[in-house]
Amino acid sequence: MTIGIECESLEGDSWGVARLVRELVTQLAARPELRRRMRFMLYFRRAVPADLAGLDPELFTMRVIGVPSFSLYYYVVLPLRLWFDRPAVMFWPNYMLPIIGPPYVKSLVMLTEDVYREMKNPKLGLRYRMAYRIFAAGWAAHNATRIMAISHASAAALGRLGLDATRLVVNELGVGPARQVPADPGTYVLYVGQAFERRHLRESLAAFTELAAEDPALRFCIIGPDRYEPPMIAETVRHLNHRLGRTAVSWRPQVSDDALAAAYRGARTLVYVSDTEAFGLPPLEALSYGTPAILADVPVTREIFGDHAFFVPSRDVDALAATFRRALSDTAARARIRDAAPRILARHSWTRFAERFLATVNDMTR
């Protein structure tokens, strides 16, 4: 049985969809017994990333479409290619389902409620909004064989948006084992992830300045690309460091996995105050290193963490600053969160994600 996986995201950065796809492929590669009954066809737009070139050729087939335009690749050439390759199932993790694909290829599409918000976001380019409206909320939502939600909270939100519950499958994301790397030194608050406006990095930095004025050793470390419109991180970092008279805030748009692990391990707390997420990996990754998170109190964070995080009652700067202080100083709460970490992490692993993916594919091909 041939299973196709759309992998264009692996040719870029390691955030979001790319992280999910890379972890899935890694888990599948660790199961040589699958060779007896499955073959995975990985589709790329321009080239196969170097770290995937050595995958088992008996289990994986690489398909490079070789077109410069994402739109041409995703909506035209790749679906046309499927007419010839004829996989039993095609996994589309990038939220959108092309219209001209063959009807005999069953489709598994990852979809989140964020797509519905973004397609109405005036700050997002018109062509992106139209793509989400046509190929995600339109064609995928109504025509995909199965729709994969990455949390129960997200599945419930998709149901409220009118998606057919009988086609929804929940496959929660996971984390791998903590890397054995030395911690970054110092006392710092950490932000990890793409800096969208809904994640309130700007407000978190404003709250941090209140604490930084009181504690000259405290720093704020940002890891992730600037997705604000217009971009604001570089100028904000420069302004805050000038105002505080020291290098209190740092920003790295991209780091290696080892550098990210070192940042997680050394941080006093991770701040990830997002109004809406289908899952949100950084707080769970931080917890795997014993680092508690400051989170918005929304359904998905309660689903994953229960009471084992520092929840922000509102997004105003005073509330954020008060929660920062508690997260940094409440040793009893910090110990309670660390004690709960093994139970939380046991429910969320990439091994279990791959197992549920395979179970879904098997169910789709009965």
Protein backbone atom coordinates (compact mmCIF):
# COMPACT_ATOMS: atom_id res chain seq x y z
CA MET A 1 0.00 0.00 0.00
CA THR A 2 1.45 3.37 -1.03
CA ILE A 3 0.88 6.39 1.21
CA GLY A 4 1.73 9.83 -0.13
CA ILE A 5 2.91 12.65 2.16
CA GLU A 6 3.18 16.27 0.99
CA CYS A 7 6.57 17.47 2.31
CA GLU A 8 7.24 20.89 0.77
CA SER A 9 7.34 22.43 4.27
CA LEU A 10 10.56 20.48 5.01
CA GLU A 11 12.39 22.54 2.39
CA GLY A 12 12.03 25.67 4.54
CA ASP A 13 12.19 26.32 8.28
CA SER A 14 11.42 23.93 11.15
CA TRP A 15 8.34 25.64 12.55
CA GLY A 16 4.70 24.60 12.54
CA VAL A 17 3.75 22.11 9.83
CA ALA A 18 7.39 21.33 9.05
CA ARG A 19 8.03 20.11 12.58
CA LEU A 20 5.02 17.81 12.49
CA VAL A 21 5.97 16.33 9.09
CA ARG A 22 9.61 15.83 10.04
CA GLU A 23 8.70 14.04 13.27
CA LEU A 24 6.19 11.83 11.44
CA VAL A 25 8.74 10.83 8.78
CA THR A 26 11.35 10.18 11.50
CA GLN A 27 8.95 7.88 13.36
CA LEU A 28 7.99 6.01 10.19
CA ALA A 29 11.67 5.55 9.31
CA ALA A 30 12.21 3.90 12.70
CA ARG A 31 9.73 1.13 11.80
CA PRO A 32 11.42 -1.13 9.22
CA GLU A 33 8.68 -3.72 9.74
CA LEU A 34 6.38 -1.43 7.75
CA ARG A 35 8.28 -2.41 4.58
CA ARG A 36 6.26 -5.62 4.40
CA ARG A 37 3.01 -3.78 3.77
CA MET A 38 3.59 -0.06 3.08
CA ARG A 39 5.61 2.35 1.00
CA PHE A 40 5.69 6.08 1.70
CA MET A 41 5.97 8.48 -1.23
CA LEU A 42 7.35 11.85 -0.11
CA TYR A 43 6.61 14.80 -2.39
CA PHE A 44 8.88 17.87 -2.54
CA ARG A 45 8.69 21.01 -4.64
CA ARG A 46 12.36 21.82 -5.31
CA ALA A 47 14.70 19.35 -3.62
CA VAL A 48 14.97 16.65 -0.96
CA PRO A 49 16.55 18.06 2.23
CA ALA A 50 20.01 16.62 2.82
CA ASP A 51 19.08 14.99 6.13
CA LEU A 52 16.35 12.94 4.43
CA ALA A 53 18.41 11.75 1.48
CA GLY A 54 19.51 8.61 3.34
CA LEU A 55 16.07 7.27 4.18
CA ASP A 56 15.47 3.57 3.54
CA PRO A 57 14.69 3.26 -0.20
CA GLU A 58 12.63 0.15 0.47
CA LEU A 59 10.28 2.18 2.66
CA PHE A 60 10.46 5.67 1.11
CA THR A 61 10.27 6.95 -2.46
CA MET A 62 11.23 10.58 -3.07
CA ARG A 63 9.32 12.62 -5.65
CA VAL A 64 10.70 16.05 -6.54
CA ILE A 65 8.15 17.96 -8.64
CA GLY A 66 10.71 20.58 -9.68
CA VAL A 67 8.69 23.77 -10.18
CA PRO A 68 9.64 27.23 -8.81
CA SER A 69 6.11 28.35 -7.88
CA PHE A 70 4.40 26.97 -4.78
CA SER A 71 0.96 27.56 -6.32
CA LEU A 72 1.87 25.69 -9.49
CA TYR A 73 3.37 22.86 -7.45
CA TYR A 74 0.57 22.51 -4.90
CA TYR A 75 -2.58 23.17 -6.88
CA VAL A 76 -1.64 21.85 -10.34
CA VAL A 77 1.47 19.73 -10.89
CA LEU A 78 1.41 17.65 -7.69
CA PRO A 79 -2.28 16.67 -7.98
CA LEU A 80 -1.71 15.80 -11.64
CA ARG A 81 1.22 13.61 -10.59
CA LEU A 82 -1.08 11.68 -8.26
CA TRP A 83 -3.11 10.51 -11.27
CA PHE A 84 -0.04 8.48 -12.29
CA ASP A 85 1.42 7.51 -8.90
CA ARG A 86 -1.98 6.40 -7.56
CA PRO A 87 -1.25 6.29 -3.80
CA ALA A 88 -4.00 4.73 -1.71
CA VAL A 89 -4.00 7.74 0.64
CA MET A 90 -2.45 11.20 0.35
CA PHE A 91 -1.66 13.14 3.53
CA TRP A 92 -1.97 16.92 3.09
CA PRO A 93 -0.60 18.52 6.31
CA ASN A 94 -0.65 22.08 4.93
CA TYR A 95 -4.41 22.62 5.51
CA MET A 96 -5.40 22.77 1.81
CA LEU A 97 -6.71 20.14 -0.60
CA PRO A 98 -6.21 20.69 -4.35
CA ILE A 99 -9.34 20.42 -6.47
CA ILE A 100 -7.99 18.52 -9.47
CA GLY A 101 -6.57 15.48 -7.67
CA PRO A 102 -7.79 12.00 -8.65
CA PRO A 103 -11.01 10.94 -6.92
CA TYR A 104 -9.68 7.42 -6.29
CA VAL A 105 -6.87 8.75 -4.04
CA LYS A 106 -8.25 9.13 -0.53
CA SER A 107 -7.22 12.32 1.25
CA LEU A 108 -6.23 12.99 4.84
CA VAL A 109 -6.02 16.76 5.41
CA MET A 110 -4.81 18.47 8.57
CA LEU A 111 -7.08 21.41 9.30
CA THR A 112 -7.29 23.89 12.18
CA GLU A 113 -9.72 26.59 13.17
CA ASP A 114 -6.88 29.11 12.74
CA VAL A 115 -7.35 28.82 8.98
CA TYR A 116 -10.88 30.20 9.28
CA ARG A 117 -9.58 33.18 11.22
CA GLU A 118 -6.66 33.82 8.89
CA MET A 119 -8.80 33.79 5.76
CA LYS A 120 -10.56 36.86 7.20
CA ASN A 121 -7.39 38.56 8.44
CA PRO A 122 -6.92 41.83 6.49
CA LYS A 123 -3.21 41.82 7.36
CA LEU A 124 -2.73 38.58 5.45
CA GLY A 125 -2.16 38.94 1.71
CA LEU A 126 -5.23 38.54 -0.50
CA ARG A 127 -3.86 35.51 -2.34
CA TYR A 128 -3.28 33.68 0.95
CA ARG A 129 -6.75 34.53 2.22
CA MET A 130 -8.28 33.32 -1.03
CA ALA A 131 -6.23 30.11 -0.96
CA TYR A 132 -7.47 29.30 2.54
CA ARG A 133 -11.05 30.16 1.61
CA ILE A 134 -11.07 28.03 -1.56
CA PHE A 135 -8.79 25.08 -0.79
CA ALA A 136 -9.10 24.75 3.02
CA ALA A 137 -12.42 26.04 4.37
CA GLY A 138 -13.99 25.25 1.00
CA TRP A 139 -12.70 22.14 -0.77
CA ALA A 140 -10.86 20.37 2.08
CA ALA A 141 -13.58 20.96 4.65
CA HIS A 142 -16.25 19.47 2.40
CA ASN A 143 -14.39 16.92 0.28
CA ALA A 144 -11.45 15.44 2.22
CA THR A 145 -11.94 11.76 3.08
CA ARG A 146 -10.74 12.48 6.63
CA ILE A 147 -9.83 15.71 8.41
CA MET A 148 -7.12 15.49 11.04
CA ALA A 149 -7.44 17.76 14.08
CA ILE A 150 -4.44 17.98 16.39
CA SER A 151 -6.32 18.35 19.68
CA HIS A 152 -9.78 17.59 20.99
CA ALA A 153 -10.31 21.31 21.58
CA SER A 154 -9.49 22.00 17.93
CA ALA A 155 -11.82 19.21 16.78
CA ALA A 156 -14.62 20.76 18.83
CA ALA A 157 -13.93 24.17 17.29
CA LEU A 158 -13.99 22.66 13.79
CA GLY A 159 -17.30 20.99 14.62
CA ARG A 160 -18.75 24.34 15.65
CA LEU A 161 -17.66 25.70 12.27
CA GLY A 162 -19.84 23.08 10.59
CA LEU A 163 -17.41 20.30 9.72
CA ASP A 164 -18.83 16.78 9.59
CA ALA A 165 -17.86 15.06 12.85
CA THR A 166 -17.85 11.63 11.17
CA ARG A 167 -14.86 12.70 9.04
CA LEU A 168 -12.87 14.21 11.93
CA VAL A 169 -10.01 12.28 13.54
CA VAL A 170 -7.98 13.62 16.46
CA ASN A 171 -4.24 13.05 16.44
CA GLU A 172 -2.53 15.07 19.18
CA LEU A 173 1.01 16.28 18.63
CA GLY A 174 3.90 15.12 20.75
CA VAL A 175 7.39 15.75 22.01
CA GLY A 176 10.48 13.61 21.85
CA PRO A 177 12.93 12.82 24.65
CA ALA A 178 14.81 15.79 26.07
CA ARG A 179 18.21 16.34 24.48
CA GLN A 180 21.18 15.98 26.79
CA VAL A 181 22.74 19.39 26.27
CA PRO A 182 24.04 21.94 28.78
CA ALA A 183 21.57 24.67 29.70
CA ASP A 184 22.02 28.21 28.47
CA PRO A 185 23.36 30.20 31.43
CA GLY A 186 21.65 33.08 33.17
CA THR A 187 18.18 33.92 34.42
CA TYR A 188 15.76 34.47 31.56
CA VAL A 189 12.20 34.25 30.35
CA LEU A 190 11.90 32.42 27.02
CA TYR A 191 9.56 32.87 24.06
CA VAL A 192 9.65 30.21 21.31
CA GLY A 193 7.58 30.10 18.13
CA GLN A 194 6.47 32.17 15.20
CA ALA A 195 5.62 35.60 16.57
CA PHE A 196 2.06 36.11 15.45
CA GLU A 197 0.04 38.94 16.95
CA ARG A 198 -2.33 36.49 18.65
CA ARG A 199 0.57 35.19 20.77
CA HIS A 200 1.06 38.57 22.47
CA LEU A 201 4.84 38.80 22.36
CA ARG A 202 4.62 42.60 22.25
CA GLU A 203 2.57 42.70 25.47
CA SER A 204 4.83 40.09 27.09
CA LEU A 205 7.86 42.26 26.39
CA ALA A 206 6.11 45.28 27.91
CA ALA A 207 5.38 43.25 31.06
CA PHE A 208 8.97 42.04 31.17
CA THR A 209 10.31 45.60 31.27
CA GLU A 210 8.58 46.09 34.64
CA LEU A 211 10.46 43.12 36.06
CA ALA A 212 13.73 43.93 34.30
CA ALA A 213 13.84 47.32 35.98
CA GLU A 214 13.66 45.52 39.36
CA ASP A 215 16.10 42.67 38.55
CA PRO A 216 19.16 43.64 36.47
CA ALA A 217 20.07 39.96 35.98
CA LEU A 218 16.76 39.02 34.31
CA ARG A 219 16.67 38.64 30.52
CA PHE A 220 14.07 37.87 27.86
CA CYS A 221 15.12 35.51 25.02
CA ILE A 222 13.08 35.28 21.81
CA ILE A 223 13.49 32.37 19.39
CA GLY A 224 11.41 32.37 16.23
CA PRO A 225 10.58 34.39 13.11
CA ASP A 226 8.79 37.74 13.21
CA ARG A 227 5.27 37.29 11.78
CA TYR A 228 3.92 40.67 12.86
CA GLU A 229 2.57 42.93 10.12
CA PRO A 230 4.61 45.07 9.86
CA PRO A 231 7.57 43.27 11.53
CA MET A 232 8.37 44.72 14.93
CA ILE A 233 10.78 42.48 16.88
CA ALA A 234 14.13 43.93 15.78
CA GLU A 235 13.12 47.52 16.49
CA THR A 236 11.41 46.61 19.79
CA VAL A 237 14.50 44.73 21.00
CA ARG A 238 16.73 47.68 20.10
CA HIS A 239 14.39 50.12 21.87
CA LEU A 240 14.02 48.06 25.06
CA ASN A 241 17.74 47.41 25.41
CA HIS A 242 18.42 51.12 24.97
CA ARG A 243 15.73 51.97 27.54
CA LEU A 244 17.06 49.45 30.08
CA GLY A 245 20.69 50.34 29.44
CA ARG A 246 21.79 46.73 28.93
CA THR A 247 21.30 43.74 26.63
CA ALA A 248 18.19 42.52 28.41
CA VAL A 249 16.33 41.20 25.34
CA SER A 250 17.76 38.99 22.60
CA TRP A 251 16.23 37.60 19.41
CA ARG A 252 17.25 34.65 17.23
CA PRO A 253 14.90 33.96 14.31
CA GLN A 254 16.24 30.42 13.84
CA VAL A 255 18.40 28.07 15.93
CA SER A 256 19.59 24.47 15.78
CA ASP A 257 17.74 21.76 17.70
CA ASP A 258 20.55 21.60 20.24
CA ALA A 259 20.48 25.38 20.76
CA LEU A 260 16.71 25.25 21.23
CA ALA A 261 17.07 22.44 23.76
CA ALA A 262 19.70 24.43 25.68
CA ALA A 263 17.37 27.44 25.77
CA TYR A 264 14.47 25.33 27.07
CA ARG A 265 16.64 23.68 29.70
CA GLY A 266 18.01 26.94 31.07
CA ALA A 267 14.87 29.09 31.05
CA ARG A 268 13.08 29.98 34.25
CA THR A 269 9.77 30.01 32.43
CA LEU A 270 8.37 29.98 28.90
CA VAL A 271 5.79 32.59 27.91
CA TYR A 272 3.27 31.57 25.22
CA VAL A 273 0.14 33.63 25.76
CA SER A 274 -1.84 32.77 22.65
CA ASP A 275 -5.51 33.58 22.19
CA THR A 276 -6.09 30.63 19.88
CA GLU A 277 -4.09 27.52 19.05
CA ALA A 278 -4.98 24.15 17.59
CA PHE A 279 -2.25 22.70 19.84
CA GLY A 280 0.89 24.81 20.50
CA LEU A 281 4.09 22.77 20.84
CA PRO A 282 6.59 25.08 22.62
CA PRO A 283 4.99 24.89 26.10
CA LEU A 284 4.97 21.09 25.95
CA GLU A 285 8.55 21.00 24.66
CA ALA A 286 9.60 23.34 27.48
CA LEU A 287 7.93 21.08 30.04
CA SER A 288 10.01 18.14 28.78
CA TYR A 289 13.02 20.10 30.13
CA GLY A 290 11.30 20.90 33.43
CA THR A 291 10.46 24.48 32.43
CA PRO A 292 6.94 25.65 33.37
CA ALA A 293 4.91 27.81 31.00
CA ILE A 294 2.89 31.01 31.22
CA LEU A 295 -0.23 30.41 29.12
CA ALA A 296 -3.55 31.90 28.12
CA ASP A 297 -6.44 30.12 29.82
CA VAL A 298 -8.10 28.63 26.72
CA PRO A 299 -9.58 25.16 26.06
CA VAL A 300 -6.54 23.66 24.35
CA THR A 301 -4.10 24.65 27.13
CA ARG A 302 -6.44 23.19 29.76
CA GLU A 303 -6.78 20.01 27.69
CA ILE A 304 -3.02 19.51 27.60
CA PHE A 305 -1.86 20.90 30.94
CA GLY A 306 -4.88 20.85 33.24
CA ASP A 307 -3.87 23.08 36.18
CA HIS A 308 -0.15 22.55 35.62
CA ALA A 309 0.90 25.90 34.20
CA PHE A 310 0.74 29.59 35.13
CA PHE A 311 -2.42 30.91 33.50
CA VAL A 312 -2.81 34.59 32.61
CA PRO A 313 -6.24 36.00 33.56
CA SER A 314 -6.11 38.71 30.87
CA ARG A 315 -3.75 40.08 28.22
CA ASP A 316 -3.11 43.49 29.80
CA VAL A 317 0.44 44.29 30.83
CA ASP A 318 -0.24 44.42 34.58
CA ALA A 319 -1.80 40.94 34.58
CA LEU A 320 1.07 39.59 32.53
CA ALA A 321 3.66 41.15 34.84
CA ALA A 322 1.93 39.69 37.91
CA THR A 323 1.91 36.22 36.32
CA PHE A 324 5.58 36.60 35.35
CA ARG A 325 6.43 37.36 38.98
CA ARG A 326 4.54 34.31 40.21
CA ALA A 327 6.08 32.00 37.60
CA LEU A 328 9.56 33.18 38.57
CA SER A 329 9.13 33.06 42.35
CA ASP A 330 6.45 30.53 43.36
CA THR A 331 8.68 27.55 44.15
CA ALA A 332 5.77 25.36 45.34
CA ALA A 333 3.81 25.86 42.12
CA ARG A 334 6.93 25.28 40.03
CA ALA A 335 7.62 22.01 41.87
CA ARG A 336 4.00 20.89 41.41
CA ILE A 337 4.21 21.51 37.66
CA ARG A 338 7.48 19.59 37.37
CA ASP A 339 5.99 16.67 39.33
CA ALA A 340 3.08 16.50 36.88
CA ALA A 341 5.32 16.67 33.80
CA PRO A 342 5.88 12.88 33.34
CA ARG A 343 2.12 12.22 33.29
CA ILE A 344 1.49 15.02 30.77
CA LEU A 345 4.39 14.04 28.53
CA ALA A 346 3.41 10.36 28.55
CA ARG A 347 0.15 11.29 26.79
CA HIS A 348 1.94 13.29 24.10
CA SER A 349 4.70 11.56 22.17
CA TRP A 350 5.63 11.48 18.49
CA THR A 351 5.58 7.69 18.70
CA ARG A 352 1.89 7.77 19.60
CA PHE A 353 1.27 10.41 16.92
CA ALA A 354 2.74 8.07 14.26
CA GLU A 355 0.73 5.13 15.61
CA ARG A 356 -2.51 7.08 15.34
CA PHE A 357 -1.55 8.24 11.84
CA LEU A 358 -1.04 4.64 10.73
CA ALA A 359 -4.29 3.56 12.38
CA THR A 360 -6.14 6.30 10.51
CA VAL A 361 -4.58 5.30 7.19
CA ASN A 362 -5.47 1.64 7.79
CA ASP A 363 -9.05 2.59 8.63
CA MET A 364 -9.31 4.71 5.47
CA THR A 365 -8.18 1.84 3.24
CA ARG A 366 -10.39 -0.95 4.57
